[in-house]
């Protein structure tokens, strides 16, 4: 059985690596807060991620059952409208779009 000092060394090393991995991004981001690039990415990344998720979801959903195209398009429209009209709250828009899709799939 390994020595207790071995376990202690492993725990200390793991703690150091975990702390560094969590602290370094904040240390790097500090000087970049005023960067124009970071500001642009903060605006466009959520939209890009939503677009990728939408295309992926629509593709797999429509491939699985072609009759789901109408609910999928309606849910996409609700998500876009909720995002633009609801103050760009991602969780609200995705939630409303998901609820719309699930409701329409179960009703149609």
Protein backbone atom coordinates (compact mmCIF):
# COMPACT_ATOMS: atom_id res chain seq x y z
CA UNK A 1 0.00 0.00 0.00
CA UNK A 2 1.38 3.47 -0.90
CA UNK A 3 2.65 5.73 1.81
CA UNK A 4 0.43 8.52 3.19
CA UNK A 5 3.02 11.02 1.98
CA UNK A 6 2.43 9.78 -1.58
CA UNK A 7 -1.32 10.44 -1.27
CA UNK A 8 -0.63 13.85 0.23
CA UNK A 9 1.73 14.73 -2.63
CA UNK A 10 -0.85 13.65 -5.21
CA UNK A 11 -3.54 15.74 -3.50
CA UNK A 12 -1.30 18.83 -3.32
CA UNK A 13 -0.33 18.52 -6.98
CA UNK A 14 -3.96 18.03 -8.00
CA UNK A 15 -4.99 21.05 -5.92
CA UNK A 16 -2.26 23.18 -7.51
CA UNK A 17 -3.20 22.18 -11.05
CA UNK A 18 -6.93 22.72 -10.41
CA UNK A 19 -6.32 26.14 -8.87
CA UNK A 20 -4.06 27.18 -11.74
CA UNK A 21 -6.52 26.03 -14.40
CA UNK A 22 -9.30 28.02 -12.77
CA UNK A 23 -7.27 31.15 -11.95
CA UNK A 24 -5.27 31.61 -15.16
CA UNK A 25 -8.25 32.53 -17.40
CA UNK A 26 -9.22 35.33 -15.00
CA UNK A 27 -5.65 36.60 -14.86
CA UNK A 28 -5.42 36.61 -18.66
CA UNK A 29 -8.85 38.17 -19.18
CA UNK A 30 -8.09 41.20 -16.98
CA UNK A 31 -5.91 43.03 -19.51
CA UNK A 32 -8.15 41.93 -22.40
CA UNK A 33 -11.38 43.45 -21.01
CA UNK A 34 -10.80 46.68 -22.95
CA UNK A 35 -9.95 44.79 -26.14
CA UNK A 36 -12.23 45.43 -29.11
CA UNK A 37 -11.93 41.79 -30.17
CA UNK A 38 -13.19 40.50 -26.81
CA UNK A 39 -16.12 42.94 -26.97
CA UNK A 40 -17.08 41.76 -30.46
CA UNK A 41 -16.77 38.11 -29.44
CA UNK A 42 -18.98 38.71 -26.39
CA UNK A 43 -21.72 39.96 -28.71
CA UNK A 44 -21.44 37.40 -31.50
CA UNK A 45 -20.46 34.15 -29.74
CA UNK A 46 -23.87 33.49 -28.13
CA UNK A 47 -25.58 34.06 -31.48
CA UNK A 48 -23.12 31.77 -33.23
CA UNK A 49 -23.55 29.04 -30.64
CA UNK A 50 -27.34 29.28 -30.92
CA UNK A 51 -27.11 29.10 -34.71
CA UNK A 52 -24.93 25.98 -34.58
CA UNK A 53 -27.26 24.32 -32.07
CA UNK A 54 -30.28 25.23 -34.18
CA UNK A 55 -28.86 23.81 -37.40
CA UNK A 56 -27.71 20.65 -35.64
CA UNK A 57 -31.04 20.14 -33.90
CA UNK A 58 -33.10 20.84 -37.00
CA UNK A 59 -31.00 18.49 -39.09
CA UNK A 60 -31.23 15.57 -36.68
CA UNK A 61 -34.89 16.22 -35.91
CA UNK A 62 -35.97 16.46 -39.54
CA UNK A 63 -33.82 13.47 -40.55
CA UNK A 64 -35.45 11.38 -37.82
CA UNK A 65 -39.00 12.34 -38.75
CA UNK A 66 -39.67 14.59 -41.77
CA UNK A 67 -43.11 15.54 -40.43
CA UNK A 68 -41.44 17.63 -37.71
CA UNK A 69 -40.35 20.37 -40.09
CA UNK A 70 -43.34 22.63 -39.30
CA UNK A 71 -42.91 22.45 -35.50
CA UNK A 72 -39.14 22.91 -35.90
CA UNK A 73 -39.50 26.02 -38.06
CA UNK A 74 -42.17 27.47 -35.74
CA UNK A 75 -40.00 26.82 -32.67
CA UNK A 76 -37.03 28.43 -34.40
CA UNK A 77 -39.11 31.52 -35.16
CA UNK A 78 -40.29 31.69 -31.54
CA UNK A 79 -36.71 31.36 -30.31
CA UNK A 80 -35.47 34.16 -32.57
CA UNK A 81 -38.39 36.44 -31.68
CA UNK A 82 -38.02 35.80 -27.96
CA UNK A 83 -34.28 36.43 -28.15
CA UNK A 84 -34.60 39.71 -30.02
CA UNK A 85 -37.67 41.02 -28.19
CA UNK A 86 -36.84 39.66 -24.74
CA UNK A 87 -33.61 41.51 -24.13
CA UNK A 88 -31.33 38.83 -25.57
CA UNK A 89 -31.84 36.46 -22.65
CA UNK A 90 -30.52 33.20 -24.01
CA UNK A 91 -32.11 30.90 -21.43
CA UNK A 92 -35.54 32.48 -21.92
CA UNK A 93 -35.40 32.28 -25.71
CA UNK A 94 -34.10 28.71 -25.79
CA UNK A 95 -36.64 27.68 -23.16
CA UNK A 96 -39.56 29.19 -25.07
CA UNK A 97 -38.39 27.64 -28.32
CA UNK A 98 -38.03 24.24 -26.70
CA UNK A 99 -41.47 24.47 -25.12
CA UNK A 100 -42.95 25.50 -28.45
CA UNK A 101 -41.34 22.57 -30.25
CA UNK A 102 -42.39 20.01 -27.65
CA UNK A 103 -45.95 21.37 -27.56
CA UNK A 104 -46.32 21.38 -31.32
CA UNK A 105 -44.84 17.89 -31.75
CA UNK A 106 -47.27 16.50 -29.19
CA UNK A 107 -50.28 18.38 -30.59
CA UNK A 108 -49.74 17.75 -34.30
